[in-house]
C-alpha atoms as a PDB file:
ATOM      1  CA  MET A   1      36.977  18.517  13.209  1.00  0.00           C
ATOM      2  CA  SER A   2      33.474  19.586  12.173  1.00  0.00           C
ATOM      3  CA  ASP A   3      30.309  18.609  14.047  1.00  0.00           C
ATOM      4  CA  ALA A   4      29.272  16.303  11.147  1.00  0.00           C
ATOM      5  CA  ASN A   5      32.633  14.488  11.312  1.00  0.00           C
ATOM      6  CA  GLU A   6      32.229  13.954  15.059  1.00  0.00           C
ATOM      7  CA  ARG A   7      28.769  12.423  14.501  1.00  0.00           C
ATOM      8  CA  GLY A   8      29.858  10.231  11.574  1.00  0.00           C
ATOM      9  CA  ARG A   9      30.177  10.346   7.824  1.00  0.00           C
ATOM     10  CA  ASN A  10      27.578  11.546   5.343  1.00  0.00           C
ATOM     11  CA  VAL A  11      26.313   8.719   3.092  1.00  0.00           C
ATOM     12  CA  GLN A  12      23.866   8.708   0.203  1.00  0.00           C
ATOM     13  CA  GLY A  13      22.171   5.517  -0.893  1.00  0.00           C
ATOM     14  CA  ARG A  14      18.939   3.567  -1.288  1.00  0.00           C
ATOM     15  CA  VAL A  15      16.761   1.779   1.237  1.00  0.00           C
ATOM     16  CA  LYS A  16      17.293  -1.961   0.709  1.00  0.00           C
ATOM     17  CA  TRP A  17      14.298  -2.764   2.912  1.00  0.00           C
ATOM     18  CA  PHE A  18      12.614  -1.428   6.040  1.00  0.00           C
ATOM     19  CA  ASP A  19      10.105  -3.296   8.207  1.00  0.00           C
ATOM     20  CA  PRO A  20       8.211  -1.055  10.681  1.00  0.00           C
ATOM     21  CA  SER A  21       6.987  -4.095  12.639  1.00  0.00           C
ATOM     22  CA  LYS A  22      10.582  -5.258  13.209  1.00  0.00           C
ATOM     23  CA  GLY A  23      11.738  -1.704  13.881  1.00  0.00           C
ATOM     24  CA  PHE A  24      14.665  -1.671  11.486  1.00  0.00           C
ATOM     25  CA  GLY A  25      15.898  -2.080   7.932  1.00  0.00           C
ATOM     26  CA  PHE A  26      19.011  -1.583   5.834  1.00  0.00           C
ATOM     27  CA  VAL A  27      20.475   0.989   3.469  1.00  0.00           C
ATOM     28  CA  VAL A  28      22.844   0.265   0.586  1.00  0.00           C
ATOM     29  CA  ALA A  29      25.361   3.087   0.075  1.00  0.00           C
ATOM     30  CA  ASP A  30      25.848   4.469  -3.446  1.00  0.00           C
ATOM     31  CA  GLU A  31      29.606   4.147  -2.853  1.00  0.00           C
ATOM     32  CA  GLY A  32      29.251   0.419  -2.086  1.00  0.00           C
ATOM     33  CA  GLY A  33      30.297  -1.405   1.049  1.00  0.00           C
ATOM     34  CA  PRO A  34      28.369  -3.342   3.683  1.00  0.00           C
ATOM     35  CA  ASP A  35      24.691  -2.733   4.399  1.00  0.00           C
ATOM     36  CA  ILE A  36      23.960   0.058   6.887  1.00  0.00           C
ATOM     37  CA  LEU A  37      21.484  -0.549   9.723  1.00  0.00           C
ATOM     38  CA  LEU A  38      18.584   1.921   9.840  1.00  0.00           C
ATOM     39  CA  HIS A  39      16.754   1.732  13.167  1.00  0.00           C
ATOM     40  CA  ALA A  40      13.134   2.901  13.553  1.00  0.00           C
ATOM     41  CA  ASN A  41      14.145   5.414  16.252  1.00  0.00           C
ATOM     42  CA  VAL A  42      16.516   7.159  13.827  1.00  0.00           C
ATOM     43  CA  LEU A  43      13.709   7.309  11.257  1.00  0.00           C
ATOM     44  CA  ARG A  44      11.256   8.624  13.887  1.00  0.00           C
ATOM     45  CA  ASN A  45      13.713  11.397  14.784  1.00  0.00           C
ATOM     46  CA  PHE A  46      13.395  12.471  11.136  1.00  0.00           C
ATOM     47  CA  GLY A  47       9.607  12.466  11.573  1.00  0.00           C
ATOM     48  CA  GLN A  48       8.629   9.280   9.751  1.00  0.00           C
ATOM     49  CA  SER A  49       7.528   5.880  10.995  1.00  0.00           C
ATOM     50  CA  SER A  50       8.440   4.092   7.774  1.00  0.00           C
ATOM     51  CA  VAL A  51      10.297   4.468   4.500  1.00  0.00           C
ATOM     52  CA  ALA A  52       9.653   2.813   1.140  1.00  0.00           C
ATOM     53  CA  ASP A  53      11.976   0.177  -0.240  1.00  0.00           C
ATOM     54  CA  ALA A  54      14.278   1.684  -2.915  1.00  0.00           C
ATOM     55  CA  ALA A  55      13.752   5.234  -1.607  1.00  0.00           C
ATOM     56  CA  GLY A  56      16.779   7.480  -1.921  1.00  0.00           C
ATOM     57  CA  ILE A  57      18.223   8.430   1.438  1.00  0.00           C
ATOM     58  CA  GLU A  58      20.976  10.614   2.870  1.00  0.00           C
ATOM     59  CA  ILE A  59      22.166   9.643   6.341  1.00  0.00           C
ATOM     60  CA  ILE A  60      24.924  10.195   8.871  1.00  0.00           C
ATOM     61  CA  VAL A  61      26.650   6.849   9.531  1.00  0.00           C
ATOM     62  CA  GLN A  62      28.817   5.721  12.422  1.00  0.00           C
ATOM     63  CA  GLU A  63      30.938   2.588  12.523  1.00  0.00           C
ATOM     64  CA  THR A  64      30.125   0.453  15.564  1.00  0.00           C
ATOM     65  CA  ALA A  65      31.370  -2.886  16.864  1.00  0.00           C
ATOM     66  CA  ARG A  66      28.361  -4.466  15.112  1.00  0.00           C
ATOM     67  CA  GLY A  67      28.894  -2.664  11.775  1.00  0.00           C
ATOM     68  CA  ALA A  68      27.755   0.536  10.070  1.00  0.00           C
ATOM     69  CA  GLN A  69      24.694   2.183  11.576  1.00  0.00           C
ATOM     70  CA  ALA A  70      22.671   5.272  10.607  1.00  0.00           C
ATOM     71  CA  VAL A  71      22.542   7.801  13.443  1.00  0.00           C
ATOM     72  CA  GLU A  72      20.635  10.548  11.619  1.00  0.00           C
ATOM     73  CA  VAL A  73      18.454  10.837   8.512  1.00  0.00           C
ATOM     74  CA  LEU A  74      19.085  14.023   6.538  1.00  0.00           C
ATOM     75  CA  ARG A  75      16.867  13.474   3.485  1.00  0.00           C
ATOM     76  CA  ILE A  76      14.531  10.915   1.933  1.00  0.00           C
ATOM     77  CA  ASP A  77      13.617  10.886  -1.760  1.00  0.00           C
ATOM     78  CA  PRO A  78      10.771   8.816  -3.207  1.00  0.00           C
ATOM     79  CA  PRO A  79      11.762   5.677  -5.151  1.00  0.00           C
ATOM     80  CA  VAL A  80      12.431   6.204  -8.857  1.00  0.00           C
ATOM     81  CA  GLY A  81      10.315   4.170 -11.322  1.00  0.00           C
ATOM     82  CA  ASP A  82       8.420   0.944 -10.799  1.00  0.00           C
ATOM     83  CA  ALA A  83      10.265  -2.349 -10.503  1.00  0.00           C
ATOM     84  CA  ASP A  84       7.423  -4.226 -12.188  1.00  0.00           C
ATOM     85  CA  GLY A  85       6.963  -1.693 -14.988  1.00  0.00           C
ATOM     86  CA  GLU A  86       3.228  -1.341 -14.356  1.00  0.00           C
ATOM     87  CA  SER A  87       1.959   2.207 -14.635  1.00  0.00           C
ATOM     88  CA  ASP A  88      -0.623   3.591 -12.238  1.00  0.00           C
ATOM     89  CA  GLU A  89      -3.113   3.880 -15.095  1.00  0.00           C
ATOM     90  CA  ASP A  90      -2.748   0.110 -15.687  1.00  0.00           C
ATOM     91  CA  SER A  91      -3.281  -0.692 -12.011  1.00  0.00           C
ATOM     92  CA  GLY A  92      -6.699   0.964 -11.955  1.00  0.00           C
ATOM     93  CA  SER A  93      -5.825   3.158  -8.976  1.00  0.00           C
ATOM     94  CA  GLY A  94      -6.536   6.337 -10.950  1.00  0.00           C
ATOM     95  CA  ILE A  95      -3.445   7.948  -9.440  1.00  0.00           C
ATOM     96  CA  SER A  96      -1.284   9.962 -11.817  1.00  0.00           C
ATOM     97  CA  GLU A  97       2.499  10.149 -11.530  1.00  0.00           C
ATOM     98  CA  GLN A  98       2.565  13.962 -11.566  1.00  0.00           C
ATOM     99  CA  VAL A  99       1.829  15.875  -8.360  1.00  0.00           C
ATOM    100  CA  ASP A 100       0.560  19.439  -8.627  1.00  0.00           C
ATOM    101  CA  LEU A 101       2.921  21.168  -6.192  1.00  0.00           C
ATOM    102  CA  SER A 102       0.696  24.252  -6.198  1.00  0.00           C
ATOM    103  CA  LEU A 103      -1.876  22.285  -4.193  1.00  0.00           C
ATOM    104  CA  PRO A 104      -1.733  23.275  -0.526  1.00  0.00           C
ATOM    105  CA  ARG A 105      -0.361  20.888   2.077  1.00  0.00           C
ATOM    106  CA  LEU A 106      -3.209  20.084   4.423  1.00  0.00           C
ATOM    107  CA  PRO A 107      -2.549  18.999   8.020  1.00  0.00           C
ATOM    108  CA  ALA A 108      -4.120  15.614   8.731  1.00  0.00           C
ATOM    109  CA  ARG A 109      -4.098  12.540  10.993  1.00  0.00           C
ATOM    110  CA  VAL A 110      -4.105   8.953   9.825  1.00  0.00           C
ATOM    111  CA  LYS A 111      -7.439   7.309  10.631  1.00  0.00           C
ATOM    112  CA  TRP A 112      -6.198   3.845   9.611  1.00  0.00           C
ATOM    113  CA  PHE A 113      -3.938   2.305   6.992  1.00  0.00           C
ATOM    114  CA  ASP A 114      -3.671  -1.367   6.054  1.00  0.00           C
ATOM    115  CA  LYS A 115      -0.516  -2.079   4.074  1.00  0.00           C
ATOM    116  CA  ALA A 116      -1.766  -5.556   3.120  1.00  0.00           C
ATOM    117  CA  LYS A 117      -4.953  -4.094   1.605  1.00  0.00           C
ATOM    118  CA  GLY A 118      -2.963  -1.249   0.041  1.00  0.00           C
ATOM    119  CA  PHE A 119      -5.051   1.633   1.298  1.00  0.00           C
ATOM    120  CA  GLY A 120      -6.419   3.574   4.234  1.00  0.00           C
ATOM    121  CA  PHE A 121      -7.931   6.898   5.230  1.00  0.00           C
ATOM    122  CA  ALA A 122      -6.934  10.141   6.929  1.00  0.00           C
ATOM    123  CA  ASN A 123      -8.864  13.100   8.285  1.00  0.00           C
ATOM    124  CA  VAL A 124      -7.860  16.637   7.349  1.00  0.00           C
ATOM    125  CA  PHE A 125      -8.110  18.914  10.402  1.00  0.00           C
ATOM    126  CA  GLY A 126     -11.408  20.805  10.393  1.00  0.00           C
ATOM    127  CA  LYS A 127     -12.959  18.767   7.556  1.00  0.00           C
ATOM    128  CA  PRO A 128     -15.614  16.061   8.059  1.00  0.00           C
ATOM    129  CA  GLU A 129     -14.869  13.827   5.043  1.00  0.00           C
ATOM    130  CA  ASP A 130     -12.229  11.102   4.883  1.00  0.00           C
ATOM    131  CA  VAL A 131      -9.318  11.307   2.441  1.00  0.00           C
ATOM    132  CA  PHE A 132      -8.370   8.092   0.646  1.00  0.00           C
ATOM    133  CA  LEU A 133      -4.704   7.026   0.964  1.00  0.00           C
ATOM    134  CA  HIS A 134      -3.343   4.585  -1.631  1.00  0.00           C
ATOM    135  CA  VAL A 135      -0.175   2.572  -1.007  1.00  0.00           C
ATOM    136  CA  GLU A 136       1.306   3.732  -4.345  1.00  0.00           C
ATOM    137  CA  VAL A 137       0.978   7.364  -3.260  1.00  0.00           C
ATOM    138  CA  LEU A 138       2.781   6.489  -0.031  1.00  0.00           C
ATOM    139  CA  ARG A 139       5.508   4.671  -1.960  1.00  0.00           C
ATOM    140  CA  ARG A 140       6.026   7.608  -4.335  1.00  0.00           C
ATOM    141  CA  SER A 141       6.084   9.918  -1.315  1.00  0.00           C
ATOM    142  CA  GLY A 142       8.914   7.853   0.204  1.00  0.00           C
ATOM    143  CA  LEU A 143       6.794   6.099   2.828  1.00  0.00           C
ATOM    144  CA  ALA A 144       6.003   2.423   3.304  1.00  0.00           C
ATOM    145  CA  ASP A 145       3.382   2.442   6.059  1.00  0.00           C
ATOM    146  CA  LEU A 146       1.384   4.763   8.323  1.00  0.00           C
ATOM    147  CA  GLN A 147       0.214   4.349  11.903  1.00  0.00           C
ATOM    148  CA  PRO A 148      -3.222   5.379  13.259  1.00  0.00           C
ATOM    149  CA  GLY A 149      -3.033   8.865  14.746  1.00  0.00           C
ATOM    150  CA  GLU A 150       0.189   9.755  12.905  1.00  0.00           C
ATOM    151  CA  ALA A 151       0.400  13.461  11.977  1.00  0.00           C
ATOM    152  CA  ILE A 152       0.926  14.004   8.245  1.00  0.00           C
ATOM    153  CA  THR A 153       0.359  16.574   5.528  1.00  0.00           C
ATOM    154  CA  LEU A 154      -1.541  15.792   2.350  1.00  0.00           C
ATOM    155  CA  ARG A 155      -1.958  17.246  -1.095  1.00  0.00           C
ATOM    156  CA  VAL A 156      -5.529  16.281  -2.007  1.00  0.00           C
ATOM    157  CA  VAL A 157      -7.630  16.161  -5.190  1.00  0.00           C
ATOM    158  CA  ASP A 158     -11.261  15.308  -5.818  1.00  0.00           C
ATOM    159  CA  GLY A 159     -11.376  11.863  -7.436  1.00  0.00           C
ATOM    160  CA  ALA A 160     -14.217   9.909  -9.026  1.00  0.00           C
ATOM    161  CA  ARG A 161     -15.046   8.331  -5.638  1.00  0.00           C
ATOM    162  CA  GLY A 162     -14.234  11.252  -3.343  1.00  0.00           C
ATOM    163  CA  ARG A 163     -11.206  13.039  -1.956  1.00  0.00           C
ATOM    164  CA  MET A 164      -7.862  11.301  -2.372  1.00  0.00           C
ATOM    165  CA  ALA A 165      -4.276  12.130  -1.449  1.00  0.00           C
ATOM    166  CA  VAL A 166      -1.788  12.595  -4.280  1.00  0.00           C
ATOM    167  CA  GLN A 167       1.127  13.235  -1.907  1.00  0.00           C
ATOM    168  CA  VAL A 168       1.739  12.324   1.736  1.00  0.00           C
ATOM    169  CA  THR A 169       4.454  13.935   3.832  1.00  0.00           C
ATOM    170  CA  SER A 170       5.328  13.395   7.473  1.00  0.00           C
ATOM    171  CA  TRP A 171       4.376  16.393   9.608  1.00  0.00           C
ATOM    172  CA  GLU A 172       7.941  17.002  10.796  1.00  0.00           C
ATOM    173  CA  SER A 173       9.592  16.808   7.380  1.00  0.00           C
ATOM    174  CA  ALA A 174       6.916  19.076   5.849  1.00  0.00           C
ATOM    175  CA  ASN A 175       7.612  21.664   8.550  1.00  0.00           C
ATOM    176  CA  LYS A 176      11.395  21.372   7.983  1.00  0.00           C
ATOM    177  CA  SER A 177      11.018  22.011   4.241  1.00  0.00           C
ATOM    178  CA  ASP A 178       8.824  25.080   4.865  1.00  0.00           C
ATOM    179  CA  GLN A 179      11.531  26.783   6.915  1.00  0.00           C
END
């Protein structure tokens, strides 16, 4: 039996919901079946403190006495499309859907982020100015929330009102993808 089989089965699906304040959420498998518990500790082991609703996810799942439970996150993909059909241009955020992947990933720390307000700020290491973080950029990056002091990487552009992130990646997952 392979190591993956000993740990559980590989499942691809979508995040039904995840609440960082509760410390858990659920995944719906593409193959159907009961909801799969996703605990915050499993997500933190992947290097993220949150994940956006409807984000694509690949996990290792074990069956327990209490039901199916994720034991490892292998991949998270940003949600596809908007449920409400509103484009970013219509929302007035000034954030385009396309991310220029040639922009460098800059190491940063979250200064603060307020999910209810829909924005926050981060500081790029070695730079004095704040970088604006919009909730839609987080959502498209596969994140739902950020915690003060959290290590992240940013792709940044100069906007009409200053520097703003166009992509946010957890520090650990950015380092994994660079290897």
